[in-house]
Amino acid sequence: MRLLLLLALLDDLLLLAAPAVVALALYALGVIPLWAAAAVAAPFAALAAYVGAKVVKERPRGFAYVGGRGVAVEDLGPRGVVKIGGEYWRAVCVGGCTVSAGSCVELVEVRDGVAYVTPC
């Protein structure tokens, strides 16, 4: 999990903060004036800080819904698709149970992008 967080922050740094770093480097080399470097750097630096803060605070997808209820979009026998919290998930019915489309399901856990559910 920490590796993914680090990769997300490095990606943020490279894509969003790189123009700011280049602008400040050009100022340091005397190519452009300070006001021009600040005008270029400020929006990119602010966007990088915003995205970085959002990545750090965001909860992992799926775990916010554990214990929540949803609807089987198609028959689960035991695999299929469910809709929980307004999102569609590939799902497996725990214990090999079967659930018909339109029936209520409860989210037990999320592993590797797959929702594990039980009938309500």
PDB file of N, CA and C in Angstrom:
ATOM      1  N   MET A   1       0.832  -1.195   0.000  1.00  0.00           N
ATOM      2  CA  MET A   1       0.000   0.000   0.000  1.00  0.00           C
ATOM      3  C   MET A   1       0.872   1.252   0.000  1.00  0.00           C
ATOM      4  N   ARG A   2       1.915   1.245   0.810  1.00  0.00           N
ATOM      5  CA  ARG A   2       2.790   2.417   0.871  1.00  0.00           C
ATOM      6  C   ARG A   2       3.543   2.613  -0.436  1.00  0.00           C
ATOM      7  N   LEU A   3       3.871   1.508  -1.125  1.00  0.00           N
ATOM      8  CA  LEU A   3       4.548   1.608  -2.410  1.00  0.00           C
ATOM      9  C   LEU A   3       3.644   2.290  -3.428  1.00  0.00           C
ATOM     10  N   LEU A   4       2.361   1.925  -3.440  1.00  0.00           N
ATOM     11  CA  LEU A   4       1.419   2.566  -4.362  1.00  0.00           C
ATOM     12  C   LEU A   4       1.275   4.050  -4.056  1.00  0.00           C
ATOM     13  N   LEU A   5       1.259   4.391  -2.771  1.00  0.00           N
ATOM     14  CA  LEU A   5       1.177   5.789  -2.375  1.00  0.00           C
ATOM     15  C   LEU A   5       2.415   6.547  -2.849  1.00  0.00           C
ATOM     16  N   LEU A   6       3.580   5.946  -2.675  1.00  0.00           N
ATOM     17  CA  LEU A   6       4.821   6.580  -3.111  1.00  0.00           C
ATOM     18  C   LEU A   6       4.836   6.764  -4.621  1.00  0.00           C
ATOM     19  N   LEU A   7       4.400   5.744  -5.359  1.00  0.00           N
ATOM     20  CA  LEU A   7       4.345   5.860  -6.816  1.00  0.00           C
ATOM     21  C   LEU A   7       3.376   6.946  -7.263  1.00  0.00           C
ATOM     22  N   ALA A   8       2.240   7.056  -6.591  1.00  0.00           N
ATOM     23  CA  ALA A   8       1.265   8.095  -6.935  1.00  0.00           C
ATOM     24  C   ALA A   8       1.841   9.480  -6.682  1.00  0.00           C
ATOM     25  N   LEU A   9       2.555   9.635  -5.581  1.00  0.00           N
ATOM     26  CA  LEU A   9       3.147  10.941  -5.277  1.00  0.00           C
ATOM     27  C   LEU A   9       4.278  11.280  -6.244  1.00  0.00           C
ATOM     28  N   LEU A  10       5.091  10.288  -6.631  1.00  0.00           N
ATOM     29  CA  LEU A  10       6.154  10.540  -7.606  1.00  0.00           C
ATOM     30  C   LEU A  10       5.578  10.897  -8.967  1.00  0.00           C
ATOM     31  N   ASP A  11       4.511  10.214  -9.362  1.00  0.00           N
ATOM     32  CA  ASP A  11       3.841  10.537 -10.614  1.00  0.00           C
ATOM     33  C   ASP A  11       3.319  11.972 -10.582  1.00  0.00           C
ATOM     34  N   ASP A  12       2.719  12.342  -9.462  1.00  0.00           N
ATOM     35  CA  ASP A  12       2.232  13.705  -9.259  1.00  0.00           C
ATOM     36  C   ASP A  12       3.377  14.700  -9.393  1.00  0.00           C
ATOM     37  N   LEU A  13       4.471  14.402  -8.773  1.00  0.00           N
ATOM     38  CA  LEU A  13       5.631  15.295  -8.800  1.00  0.00           C
ATOM     39  C   LEU A  13       6.163  15.465 -10.213  1.00  0.00           C
ATOM     40  N   LEU A  14       6.307  14.359 -10.929  1.00  0.00           N
ATOM     41  CA  LEU A  14       6.877  14.431 -12.270  1.00  0.00           C
ATOM     42  C   LEU A  14       5.958  15.118 -13.273  1.00  0.00           C
ATOM     43  N   LEU A  15       4.662  14.836 -13.217  1.00  0.00           N
ATOM     44  CA  LEU A  15       3.753  15.391 -14.211  1.00  0.00           C
ATOM     45  C   LEU A  15       3.308  16.823 -13.919  1.00  0.00           C
ATOM     46  N   LEU A  16       3.108  17.127 -12.652  1.00  0.00           N
ATOM     47  CA  LEU A  16       2.554  18.431 -12.315  1.00  0.00           C
ATOM     48  C   LEU A  16       3.601  19.443 -11.841  1.00  0.00           C
ATOM     49  N   ALA A  17       4.598  18.972 -11.108  1.00  0.00           N
ATOM     50  CA  ALA A  17       5.575  19.901 -10.559  1.00  0.00           C
ATOM     51  C   ALA A  17       6.741  20.159 -11.508  1.00  0.00           C
ATOM     52  N   ALA A  18       6.929  19.314 -12.521  1.00  0.00           N
ATOM     53  CA  ALA A  18       8.048  19.485 -13.445  1.00  0.00           C
ATOM     54  C   ALA A  18       8.046  20.854 -14.133  1.00  0.00           C
ATOM     55  N   PRO A  19       6.911  21.364 -14.628  1.00  0.00           N
ATOM     56  CA  PRO A  19       6.941  22.698 -15.240  1.00  0.00           C
ATOM     57  C   PRO A  19       7.364  23.793 -14.253  1.00  0.00           C
ATOM     58  N   ALA A  20       6.960  23.653 -12.999  1.00  0.00           N
ATOM     59  CA  ALA A  20       7.360  24.635 -11.992  1.00  0.00           C
ATOM     60  C   ALA A  20       8.863  24.583 -11.756  1.00  0.00           C
ATOM     61  N   VAL A  21       9.410  23.393 -11.692  1.00  0.00           N
ATOM     62  CA  VAL A  21      10.853  23.235 -11.478  1.00  0.00           C
ATOM     63  C   VAL A  21      11.617  23.806 -12.667  1.00  0.00           C
ATOM     64  N   VAL A  22      11.151  23.547 -13.876  1.00  0.00           N
ATOM     65  CA  VAL A  22      11.809  24.074 -15.079  1.00  0.00           C
ATOM     66  C   VAL A  22      11.759  25.601 -15.090  1.00  0.00           C
ATOM     67  N   ALA A  23      10.611  26.168 -14.744  1.00  0.00           N
ATOM     68  CA  ALA A  23      10.481  27.629 -14.722  1.00  0.00           C
ATOM     69  C   ALA A  23      11.431  28.249 -13.704  1.00  0.00           C
ATOM     70  N   LEU A  24      11.529  27.659 -12.533  1.00  0.00           N
ATOM     71  CA  LEU A  24      12.437  28.197 -11.519  1.00  0.00           C
ATOM     72  C   LEU A  24      13.902  27.999 -11.914  1.00  0.00           C
ATOM     73  N   ALA A  25      14.206  26.913 -12.613  1.00  0.00           N
ATOM     74  CA  ALA A  25      15.571  26.694 -13.099  1.00  0.00           C
ATOM     75  C   ALA A  25      15.931  27.724 -14.168  1.00  0.00           C
ATOM     76  N   LEU A  26      14.986  28.037 -15.041  1.00  0.00           N
ATOM     77  CA  LEU A  26      15.236  29.062 -16.058  1.00  0.00           C
ATOM     78  C   LEU A  26      15.463  30.430 -15.420  1.00  0.00           C
ATOM     79  N   TYR A  27      14.740  30.711 -14.343  1.00  0.00           N
ATOM     80  CA  TYR A  27      14.979  31.955 -13.612  1.00  0.00           C
ATOM     81  C   TYR A  27      16.386  31.960 -12.994  1.00  0.00           C
ATOM     82  N   ALA A  28      16.759  30.841 -12.381  1.00  0.00           N
ATOM     83  CA  ALA A  28      18.077  30.745 -11.749  1.00  0.00           C
ATOM     84  C   ALA A  28      19.202  30.908 -12.765  1.00  0.00           C
ATOM     85  N   LEU A  29      18.979  30.474 -13.993  1.00  0.00           N
ATOM     86  CA  LEU A  29      19.988  30.621 -15.044  1.00  0.00           C
ATOM     87  C   LEU A  29      19.953  31.995 -15.703  1.00  0.00           C
ATOM     88  N   GLY A  30      18.980  32.814 -15.325  1.00  0.00           N
ATOM     89  CA  GLY A  30      18.887  34.165 -15.874  1.00  0.00           C
ATOM     90  C   GLY A  30      18.207  34.247 -17.220  1.00  0.00           C
ATOM     91  N   VAL A  31      17.499  33.201 -17.623  1.00  0.00           N
ATOM     92  CA  VAL A  31      16.839  33.179 -18.927  1.00  0.00           C
ATOM     93  C   VAL A  31      15.530  33.956 -18.898  1.00  0.00           C
ATOM     94  N   ILE A  32      14.766  33.843 -17.804  1.00  0.00           N
ATOM     95  CA  ILE A  32      13.500  34.556 -17.690  1.00  0.00           C
ATOM     96  C   ILE A  32      13.479  35.317 -16.368  1.00  0.00           C
ATOM     97  N   PRO A  33      12.668  36.382 -16.293  1.00  0.00           N
ATOM     98  CA  PRO A  33      12.591  37.141 -15.035  1.00  0.00           C
ATOM     99  C   PRO A  33      11.787  36.376 -13.968  1.00  0.00           C
ATOM    100  N   LEU A  34      11.924  36.819 -12.727  1.00  0.00           N
ATOM    101  CA  LEU A  34      11.269  36.155 -11.599  1.00  0.00           C
ATOM    102  C   LEU A  34       9.756  36.143 -11.748  1.00  0.00           C
ATOM    103  N   TRP A  35       9.159  37.257 -12.193  1.00  0.00           N
ATOM    104  CA  TRP A  35       7.710  37.299 -12.300  1.00  0.00           C
ATOM    105  C   TRP A  35       7.199  36.260 -13.304  1.00  0.00           C
ATOM    106  N   ALA A  36       7.930  36.023 -14.379  1.00  0.00           N
ATOM    107  CA  ALA A  36       7.514  35.023 -15.365  1.00  0.00           C
ATOM    108  C   ALA A  36       7.639  33.612 -14.794  1.00  0.00           C
ATOM    109  N   ALA A  37       8.713  33.368 -14.059  1.00  0.00           N
ATOM    110  CA  ALA A  37       8.894  32.050 -13.440  1.00  0.00           C
ATOM    111  C   ALA A  37       7.795  31.791 -12.414  1.00  0.00           C
ATOM    112  N   ALA A  38       7.460  32.802 -11.635  1.00  0.00           N
ATOM    113  CA  ALA A  38       6.400  32.645 -10.629  1.00  0.00           C
ATOM    114  C   ALA A  38       5.042  32.437 -11.296  1.00  0.00           C
ATOM    115  N   ALA A  39       4.792  33.143 -12.394  1.00  0.00           N
ATOM    116  CA  ALA A  39       3.516  33.007 -13.098  1.00  0.00           C
ATOM    117  C   ALA A  39       3.345  31.603 -13.675  1.00  0.00           C
ATOM    118  N   VAL A  40       4.439  31.002 -14.133  1.00  0.00           N
ATOM    119  CA  VAL A  40       4.375  29.647 -14.673  1.00  0.00           C
ATOM    120  C   VAL A  40       4.332  28.620 -13.545  1.00  0.00           C
ATOM    121  N   ALA A  41       5.130  28.821 -12.511  1.00  0.00           N
ATOM    122  CA  ALA A  41       5.287  27.826 -11.451  1.00  0.00           C
ATOM    123  C   ALA A  41       4.085  27.736 -10.512  1.00  0.00           C
ATOM    124  N   ALA A  42       3.463  28.852 -10.189  1.00  0.00           N
ATOM    125  CA  ALA A  42       2.412  28.880  -9.167  1.00  0.00           C
ATOM    126  C   ALA A  42       1.235  27.942  -9.458  1.00  0.00           C
ATOM    127  N   PRO A  43       0.629  27.993 -10.645  1.00  0.00           N
ATOM    128  CA  PRO A  43      -0.519  27.095 -10.869  1.00  0.00           C
ATOM    129  C   PRO A  43      -0.139  25.610 -10.816  1.00  0.00           C
ATOM    130  N   PHE A  44       1.010  25.260 -11.367  1.00  0.00           N
ATOM    131  CA  PHE A  44       1.432  23.861 -11.358  1.00  0.00           C
ATOM    132  C   PHE A  44       1.775  23.391  -9.950  1.00  0.00           C
ATOM    133  N   ALA A  45       2.432  24.233  -9.167  1.00  0.00           N
ATOM    134  CA  ALA A  45       2.770  23.878  -7.794  1.00  0.00           C
ATOM    135  C   ALA A  45       1.504  23.711  -6.948  1.00  0.00           C
ATOM    136  N   ALA A  46       0.529  24.595  -7.142  1.00  0.00           N
ATOM    137  CA  ALA A  46      -0.721  24.497  -6.395  1.00  0.00           C
ATOM    138  C   ALA A  46      -1.487  23.231  -6.771  1.00  0.00           C
ATOM    139  N   LEU A  47      -1.535  22.917  -8.051  1.00  0.00           N
ATOM    140  CA  LEU A  47      -2.222  21.711  -8.499  1.00  0.00           C
ATOM    141  C   LEU A  47      -1.524  20.456  -7.966  1.00  0.00           C
ATOM    142  N   ALA A  48      -0.202  20.454  -7.975  1.00  0.00           N
ATOM    143  CA  ALA A  48       0.549  19.310  -7.444  1.00  0.00           C
ATOM    144  C   ALA A  48       0.270  19.124  -5.958  1.00  0.00           C
ATOM    145  N   ALA A  49       0.218  20.207  -5.200  1.00  0.00           N
ATOM    146  CA  ALA A  49      -0.062  20.121  -3.765  1.00  0.00           C
ATOM    147  C   ALA A  49      -1.484  19.608  -3.526  1.00  0.00           C
ATOM    148  N   TYR A  50      -2.438  20.076  -4.309  1.00  0.00           N
ATOM    149  CA  TYR A  50      -3.832  19.639  -4.165  1.00  0.00           C
ATOM    150  C   TYR A  50      -3.980  18.141  -4.447  1.00  0.00           C
ATOM    151  N   VAL A  51      -3.419  17.690  -5.563  1.00  0.00           N
ATOM    152  CA  VAL A  51      -3.528  16.277  -5.933  1.00  0.00           C
ATOM    153  C   VAL A  51      -2.786  15.406  -4.923  1.00  0.00           C
ATOM    154  N   GLY A  52      -1.619  15.850  -4.477  1.00  0.00           N
ATOM    155  CA  GLY A  52      -0.866  15.091  -3.482  1.00  0.00           C
ATOM    156  C   GLY A  52      -1.633  14.939  -2.185  1.00  0.00           C
ATOM    157  N   ALA A  53      -2.268  16.010  -1.726  1.00  0.00           N
ATOM    158  CA  ALA A  53      -3.060  15.946  -0.494  1.00  0.00           C
ATOM    159  C   ALA A  53      -4.263  15.027  -0.668  1.00  0.00           C
ATOM    160  N   LYS A  54      -4.878  15.050  -1.839  1.00  0.00           N
ATOM    161  CA  LYS A  54      -6.040  14.198  -2.090  1.00  0.00           C
ATOM    162  C   LYS A  54      -5.647  12.723  -2.093  1.00  0.00           C
ATOM    163  N   VAL A  55      -4.490  12.406  -2.665  1.00  0.00           N
ATOM    164  CA  VAL A  55      -4.015  11.020  -2.695  1.00  0.00           C
ATOM    165  C   VAL A  55      -3.765  10.509  -1.283  1.00  0.00           C
ATOM    166  N   VAL A  56      -3.181  11.348  -0.443  1.00  0.00           N
ATOM    167  CA  VAL A  56      -2.851  10.931   0.920  1.00  0.00           C
ATOM    168  C   VAL A  56      -4.118  10.715   1.742  1.00  0.00           C
ATOM    169  N   LYS A  57      -5.129  11.553   1.570  1.00  0.00           N
ATOM    170  CA  LYS A  57      -6.343  11.481   2.388  1.00  0.00           C
ATOM    171  C   LYS A  57      -7.363  10.463   1.896  1.00  0.00           C
ATOM    172  N   GLU A  58      -7.313  10.087   0.618  1.00  0.00           N
ATOM    173  CA  GLU A  58      -8.347   9.231   0.037  1.00  0.00           C
ATOM    174  C   GLU A  58      -8.286   7.820   0.603  1.00  0.00           C
ATOM    175  N   ARG A  59      -9.441   7.286   0.964  1.00  0.00           N
ATOM    176  CA  ARG A  59      -9.539   5.920   1.447  1.00  0.00           C
ATOM    177  C   ARG A  59      -9.483   4.973   0.265  1.00  0.00           C
ATOM    178  N   PRO A  60      -8.991   3.764   0.473  1.00  0.00           N
ATOM    179  CA  PRO A  60      -8.973   2.795  -0.625  1.00  0.00           C
ATOM    180  C   PRO A  60     -10.387   2.511  -1.118  1.00  0.00           C
ATOM    181  N   ARG A  61     -10.537   2.384  -2.429  1.00  0.00           N
ATOM    182  CA  ARG A  61     -11.850   2.110  -3.004  1.00  0.00           C
ATOM    183  C   ARG A  61     -12.378   0.782  -2.514  1.00  0.00           C
ATOM    184  N   GLY A  62     -13.641   0.744  -2.247  1.00  0.00           N
ATOM    185  CA  GLY A  62     -14.289  -0.495  -1.868  1.00  0.00           C
ATOM    186  C   GLY A  62     -14.404  -0.686  -0.375  1.00  0.00           C
ATOM    187  N   PHE A  63     -13.403  -0.314   0.372  1.00  0.00           N
ATOM    188  CA  PHE A  63     -13.423  -0.552   1.803  1.00  0.00           C
ATOM    189  C   PHE A  63     -14.427   0.347   2.511  1.00  0.00           C
ATOM    190  N   ALA A  64     -14.797   1.441   1.908  1.00  0.00           N
ATOM    191  CA  ALA A  64     -15.786   2.336   2.514  1.00  0.00           C
ATOM    192  C   ALA A  64     -17.164   1.681   2.510  1.00  0.00           C
ATOM    193  N   TYR A  65     -17.376   0.709   1.632  1.00  0.00           N
ATOM    194  CA  TYR A  65     -18.690   0.087   1.491  1.00  0.00           C
ATOM    195  C   TYR A  65     -18.830  -1.222   2.252  1.00  0.00           C
ATOM    196  N   VAL A  66     -17.742  -1.730   2.889  1.00  0.00           N
ATOM    197  CA  VAL A  66     -17.822  -3.021   3.579  1.00  0.00           C
ATOM    198  C   VAL A  66     -18.943  -2.964   4.609  1.00  0.00           C
ATOM    199  N   GLY A  67     -19.806  -3.956   4.557  1.00  0.00           N
ATOM    200  CA  GLY A  67     -20.979  -3.985   5.423  1.00  0.00           C
ATOM    201  C   GLY A  67     -22.185  -3.338   4.770  1.00  0.00           C
ATOM    202  N   GLY A  68     -21.961  -2.669   3.645  1.00  0.00           N
ATOM    203  CA  GLY A  68     -23.056  -2.015   2.938  1.00  0.00           C
ATOM    204  C   GLY A  68     -23.831  -2.996   2.082  1.00  0.00           C
ATOM    205  N   ARG A  69     -24.986  -2.559   1.654  1.00  0.00           N
ATOM    206  CA  ARG A  69     -25.851  -3.414   0.844  1.00  0.00           C
ATOM    207  C   ARG A  69     -25.933  -2.896  -0.575  1.00  0.00           C
ATOM    208  N   GLY A  70     -26.209  -3.822  -1.472  1.00  0.00           N
ATOM    209  CA  GLY A  70     -26.339  -3.485  -2.868  1.00  0.00           C
ATOM    210  C   GLY A  70     -27.295  -4.437  -3.544  1.00  0.00           C
ATOM    211  N   VAL A  71     -27.258  -4.443  -4.879  1.00  0.00           N
ATOM    212  CA  VAL A  71     -28.176  -5.245  -5.674  1.00  0.00           C
ATOM    213  C   VAL A  71     -27.376  -6.074  -6.674  1.00  0.00           C
ATOM    214  N   ALA A  72     -27.768  -7.334  -6.839  1.00  0.00           N
ATOM    215  CA  ALA A  72     -27.151  -8.180  -7.859  1.00  0.00           C
ATOM    216  C   ALA A  72     -27.669  -7.735  -9.220  1.00  0.00           C
ATOM    217  N   VAL A  73     -26.767  -7.328 -10.088  1.00  0.00           N
ATOM    218  CA  VAL A  73     -27.153  -6.870 -11.423  1.00  0.00           C
ATOM    219  C   VAL A  73     -27.446  -8.071 -12.322  1.00  0.00           C
ATOM    220  N   GLU A  74     -26.691  -9.144 -12.121  1.00  0.00           N
ATOM    221  CA  GLU A  74     -26.931 -10.382 -12.848  1.00  0.00           C
ATOM    222  C   GLU A  74     -26.868 -11.539 -11.857  1.00  0.00           C
ATOM    223  N   ASP A  75     -27.321 -12.705 -12.291  1.00  0.00           N
ATOM    224  CA  ASP A  75     -27.309 -13.866 -11.403  1.00  0.00           C
ATOM    225  C   ASP A  75     -25.887 -14.166 -10.945  1.00  0.00           C
ATOM    226  N   LEU A  76     -25.738 -14.383  -9.646  1.00  0.00           N
ATOM    227  CA  LEU A  76     -24.450 -14.786  -9.095  1.00  0.00           C
ATOM    228  C   LEU A  76     -24.513 -16.281  -8.872  1.00  0.00           C
ATOM    229  N   GLY A  77     -23.684 -17.009  -9.585  1.00  0.00           N
ATOM    230  CA  GLY A  77     -23.732 -18.442  -9.412  1.00  0.00           C
ATOM    231  C   GLY A  77     -22.375 -19.104  -9.436  1.00  0.00           C
ATOM    232  N   PRO A  78     -21.446 -18.838  -8.613  1.00  0.00           N
ATOM    233  CA  PRO A  78     -21.381 -17.795  -7.590  1.00  0.00           C
ATOM    234  C   PRO A  78     -20.777 -16.477  -8.092  1.00  0.00           C
ATOM    235  N   ARG A  79     -20.373 -16.378  -9.371  1.00  0.00           N
ATOM    236  CA  ARG A  79     -19.759 -15.139  -9.870  1.00  0.00           C
ATOM    237  C   ARG A  79     -20.755 -14.323 -10.685  1.00  0.00           C
ATOM    238  N   GLY A  80     -20.550 -12.999 -10.664  1.00  0.00           N
ATOM    239  CA  GLY A  80     -21.411 -12.120 -11.439  1.00  0.00           C
ATOM    240  C   GLY A  80     -21.066 -10.670 -11.179  1.00  0.00           C
ATOM    241  N   VAL A  81     -22.045  -9.797 -11.360  1.00  0.00           N
ATOM    242  CA  VAL A  81     -21.853  -8.360 -11.184  1.00  0.00           C
ATOM    243  C   VAL A  81     -22.881  -7.838 -10.192  1.00  0.00           C
ATOM    244  N   VAL A  82     -22.423  -6.960  -9.291  1.00  0.00           N
ATOM    245  CA  VAL A  82     -23.314  -6.319  -8.323  1.00  0.00           C
ATOM    246  C   VAL A  82     -23.120  -4.812  -8.385  1.00  0.00           C
ATOM    247  N   LYS A  83     -24.109  -4.098  -7.862  1.00  0.00           N
ATOM    248  CA  LYS A  83     -24.011  -2.648  -7.773  1.00  0.00           C
ATOM    249  C   LYS A  83     -24.115  -2.277  -6.300  1.00  0.00           C
ATOM    250  N   ILE A  84     -23.022  -1.681  -5.769  1.00  0.00           N
ATOM    251  CA  ILE A  84     -22.962  -1.299  -4.359  1.00  0.00           C
ATOM    252  C   ILE A  84     -22.494   0.150  -4.284  1.00  0.00           C
ATOM    253  N   GLY A  85     -23.250   0.972  -3.588  1.00  0.00           N
ATOM    254  CA  GLY A  85     -22.859   2.377  -3.437  1.00  0.00           C
ATOM    255  C   GLY A  85     -22.774   3.113  -4.759  1.00  0.00           C
ATOM    256  N   GLY A  86     -23.579   2.724  -5.735  1.00  0.00           N
ATOM    257  CA  GLY A  86     -23.579   3.403  -7.027  1.00  0.00           C
ATOM    258  C   GLY A  86     -22.473   2.949  -7.957  1.00  0.00           C
ATOM    259  N   GLU A  87     -21.670   1.947  -7.563  1.00  0.00           N
ATOM    260  CA  GLU A  87     -20.584   1.447  -8.396  1.00  0.00           C
ATOM    261  C   GLU A  87     -20.811  -0.023  -8.724  1.00  0.00           C
ATOM    262  N   TYR A  88     -20.422  -0.404  -9.937  1.00  0.00           N
ATOM    263  CA  TYR A  88     -20.533  -1.793 -10.356  1.00  0.00           C
ATOM    264  C   TYR A  88     -19.249  -2.530  -9.996  1.00  0.00           C
ATOM    265  N   TRP A  89     -19.405  -3.756  -9.472  1.00  0.00           N
ATOM    266  CA  TRP A  89     -18.265  -4.564  -9.049  1.00  0.00           C
ATOM    267  C   TRP A  89     -18.393  -5.973  -9.622  1.00  0.00           C
ATOM    268  N   ARG A  90     -17.247  -6.553  -9.998  1.00  0.00           N
ATOM    269  CA  ARG A  90     -17.223  -7.993 -10.239  1.00  0.00           C
ATOM    270  C   ARG A  90     -17.367  -8.615  -8.863  1.00  0.00           C
ATOM    271  N   ALA A  91     -18.197  -9.631  -8.748  1.00  0.00           N
ATOM    272  CA  ALA A  91     -18.502 -10.154  -7.417  1.00  0.00           C
ATOM    273  C   ALA A  91     -18.479 -11.670  -7.383  1.00  0.00           C
ATOM    274  N   VAL A  92     -18.232 -12.180  -6.176  1.00  0.00           N
ATOM    275  CA  VAL A  92     -18.290 -13.607  -5.890  1.00  0.00           C
ATOM    276  C   VAL A  92     -19.144 -13.770  -4.649  1.00  0.00           C
ATOM    277  N   CYS A  93     -20.086 -14.684  -4.716  1.00  0.00           N
ATOM    278  CA  CYS A  93     -20.936 -14.967  -3.564  1.00  0.00           C
ATOM    279  C   CYS A  93     -20.174 -15.910  -2.642  1.00  0.00           C
ATOM    280  N   VAL A  94     -19.965 -15.503  -1.413  1.00  0.00           N
ATOM    281  CA  VAL A  94     -19.173 -16.263  -0.439  1.00  0.00           C
ATOM    282  C   VAL A  94     -19.835 -17.606  -0.154  1.00  0.00           C
ATOM    283  N   GLY A  95     -19.013 -18.653  -0.128  1.00  0.00           N
ATOM    284  CA  GLY A  95     -19.525 -19.987   0.174  1.00  0.00           C
ATOM    285  C   GLY A  95     -20.170 -20.666  -1.017  1.00  0.00           C
ATOM    286  N   GLY A  96     -20.012 -20.108  -2.204  1.00  0.00           N
ATOM    287  CA  GLY A  96     -20.569 -20.735  -3.401  1.00  0.00           C
ATOM    288  C   GLY A  96     -22.070 -20.601  -3.530  1.00  0.00           C
ATOM    289  N   CYS A  97     -22.674 -19.689  -2.766  1.00  0.00           N
ATOM    290  CA  CYS A  97     -24.123 -19.516  -2.831  1.00  0.00           C
ATOM    291  C   CYS A  97     -24.537 -18.919  -4.173  1.00  0.00           C
ATOM    292  N   THR A  98     -25.811 -18.948  -4.454  1.00  0.00           N
ATOM    293  CA  THR A  98     -26.341 -18.330  -5.669  1.00  0.00           C
ATOM    294  C   THR A  98     -27.322 -17.236  -5.277  1.00  0.00           C
ATOM    295  N   VAL A  99     -27.290 -16.167  -6.045  1.00  0.00           N
ATOM    296  CA  VAL A  99     -28.186 -15.032  -5.822  1.00  0.00           C
ATOM    297  C   VAL A  99     -28.763 -14.651  -7.178  1.00  0.00           C
ATOM    298  N   SER A 100     -30.073 -14.451  -7.242  1.00  0.00           N
ATOM    299  CA  SER A 100     -30.695 -14.079  -8.507  1.00  0.00           C
ATOM    300  C   SER A 100     -30.597 -12.572  -8.731  1.00  0.00           C
ATOM    301  N   ALA A 101     -30.637 -12.179  -9.988  1.00  0.00           N
ATOM    302  CA  ALA A 101     -30.557 -10.764 -10.356  1.00  0.00           C
ATOM    303  C   ALA A 101     -31.672  -9.982  -9.677  1.00  0.00           C
ATOM    304  N   GLY A 102     -31.339  -8.818  -9.160  1.00  0.00           N
ATOM    305  CA  GLY A 102     -32.307  -7.974  -8.486  1.00  0.00           C
ATOM    306  C   GLY A 102     -32.397  -8.212  -6.994  1.00  0.00           C
ATOM    307  N   SER A 103     -31.720  -9.244  -6.507  1.00  0.00           N
ATOM    308  CA  SER A 103     -31.759  -9.553  -5.073  1.00  0.00           C
ATOM    309  C   SER A 103     -30.758  -8.706  -4.304  1.00  0.00           C
ATOM    310  N   CYS A 104     -31.022  -8.554  -3.022  1.00  0.00           N
ATOM    311  CA  CYS A 104     -30.167  -7.774  -2.137  1.00  0.00           C
ATOM    312  C   CYS A 104     -28.915  -8.576  -1.774  1.00  0.00           C
ATOM    313  N   VAL A 105     -27.750  -7.905  -1.784  1.00  0.00           N
ATOM    314  CA  VAL A 105     -26.497  -8.523  -1.356  1.00  0.00           C
ATOM    315  C   VAL A 105     -25.807  -7.601  -0.361  1.00  0.00           C
ATOM    316  N   GLU A 106     -24.991  -8.198   0.513  1.00  0.00           N
ATOM    317  CA  GLU A 106     -24.227  -7.429   1.489  1.00  0.00           C
ATOM    318  C   GLU A 106     -22.749  -7.663   1.234  1.00  0.00           C
ATOM    319  N   LEU A 107     -21.965  -6.583   1.196  1.00  0.00           N
ATOM    320  CA  LEU A 107     -20.530  -6.657   0.932  1.00  0.00           C
ATOM    321  C   LEU A 107     -19.793  -7.130   2.172  1.00  0.00           C
ATOM    322  N   VAL A 108     -19.025  -8.209   2.031  1.00  0.00           N
ATOM    323  CA  VAL A 108     -18.253  -8.766   3.137  1.00  0.00           C
ATOM    324  C   VAL A 108     -16.824  -8.248   3.100  1.00  0.00           C
ATOM    325  N   GLU A 109     -16.201  -8.277   1.915  1.00  0.00           N
ATOM    326  CA  GLU A 109     -14.838  -7.763   1.759  1.00  0.00           C
ATOM    327  C   GLU A 109     -14.550  -7.489   0.298  1.00  0.00           C
ATOM    328  N   VAL A 110     -13.441  -6.777   0.066  1.00  0.00           N
ATOM    329  CA  VAL A 110     -12.968  -6.496  -1.278  1.00  0.00           C
ATOM    330  C   VAL A 110     -11.523  -6.962  -1.343  1.00  0.00           C
ATOM    331  N   ARG A 111     -11.232  -7.833  -2.327  1.00  0.00           N
ATOM    332  CA  ARG A 111      -9.875  -8.326  -2.527  1.00  0.00           C
ATOM    333  C   ARG A 111      -9.551  -8.285  -4.005  1.00  0.00           C
ATOM    334  N   ASP A 112      -8.439  -7.658  -4.350  1.00  0.00           N
ATOM    335  CA  ASP A 112      -7.973  -7.596  -5.734  1.00  0.00           C
ATOM    336  C   ASP A 112      -9.047  -7.085  -6.693  1.00  0.00           C
ATOM    337  N   GLY A 113      -9.813  -6.122  -6.261  1.00  0.00           N
ATOM    338  CA  GLY A 113     -10.832  -5.513  -7.109  1.00  0.00           C
ATOM    339  C   GLY A 113     -12.088  -6.340  -7.275  1.00  0.00           C
ATOM    340  N   VAL A 114     -12.241  -7.394  -6.489  1.00  0.00           N
ATOM    341  CA  VAL A 114     -13.427  -8.249  -6.550  1.00  0.00           C
ATOM    342  C   VAL A 114     -14.186  -8.121  -5.235  1.00  0.00           C
ATOM    343  N   ALA A 115     -15.490  -7.924  -5.334  1.00  0.00           N
ATOM    344  CA  ALA A 115     -16.340  -7.824  -4.145  1.00  0.00           C
ATOM    345  C   ALA A 115     -16.811  -9.218  -3.742  1.00  0.00           C
ATOM    346  N   TYR A 116     -16.664  -9.537  -2.486  1.00  0.00           N
ATOM    347  CA  TYR A 116     -17.174 -10.793  -1.936  1.00  0.00           C
ATOM    348  C   TYR A 116     -18.430 -10.471  -1.152  1.00  0.00           C
ATOM    349  N   VAL A 117     -19.538 -11.077  -1.573  1.00  0.00           N
ATOM    350  CA  VAL A 117     -20.849 -10.724  -1.017  1.00  0.00           C
ATOM    351  C   VAL A 117     -21.582 -11.945  -0.465  1.00  0.00           C
ATOM    352  N   THR A 118     -22.596 -11.649   0.343  1.00  0.00           N
ATOM    353  CA  THR A 118     -23.523 -12.677   0.835  1.00  0.00           C
ATOM    354  C   THR A 118     -24.932 -12.166   0.577  1.00  0.00           C
ATOM    355  N   PRO A 119     -25.912 -13.073   0.483  1.00  0.00           N
ATOM    356  CA  PRO A 119     -27.292 -12.611   0.328  1.00  0.00           C
ATOM    357  C   PRO A 119     -27.750 -11.885   1.591  1.00  0.00           C
ATOM    358  N   CYS A 120     -28.626 -10.919   1.452  1.00  0.00           N
ATOM    359  CA  CYS A 120     -29.165 -10.186   2.610  1.00  0.00           C
ATOM    360  C   CYS A 120     -30.145 -11.032   3.373  1.00  0.00           C
TER     361      CYS A 120
END
